[in-house]
Amino acid sequence: WFTRIHLPARLRAAGGQGWQVLEPLGCDPALHELSAQIVAEALVGGTKAAVLLAAHGSFKSPVPSDIAQHVAGVIRQRTGTQAEVAFIDQTPQLAAATGYGADAICLPFFAAEGGHVSDDIPAALATAGFRGRILPPVGLDARVPGIIAAALVRGAAVCASECRWRR
């Protein structure tokens, strides 16, 4: 909703012409693979600790939930671990994510360290009795700028081909 409806409308309202809004970072398959790699790197001694992917969710669209579920599937496939998703803004809620032991890992599927990551996720996990490690959000990984740069290059190539088509 935000990137496909709200943001383009705001750009048009501000007189923006010729803008191309790229797919959200969370939709990029390279970020999905990076999420699995982060989990693999966090697993100590080849353990198969349970993974909880903490995501925002949305009551306006199923797309954020679908993406988070897909990322959990990529994590399961690449690492062989149990990986589930819980949300801040929809069910299943993080505060209800029970049954995670001290060896569990929570990966926040967020772009940055904001109030959700620093306050809401730890509070919800404390309510749930989560005893594992909370990793930094995916978006803070040092490899993310390369993923963004590659998306910009792809977007520029699409824009260039569309511009040639319009001529």
Foldseek 3Di string as FASTA:
>chain_A
DCQPPVVVVVCVVVVHDPDDRFDDPLVDVVLLLLVLVVVQVPQPPLDQAEEEEEEADDPVDCVRVVSSVVSQVSNCVSRVHHYYYAHCHDPPHLLQPADHDAAYEYEYQDQADDCCNPPVNVVSNVNRVHNYYYDGHSNVDPCNVVVVVVSVVVVVVVSVVVVVVVD
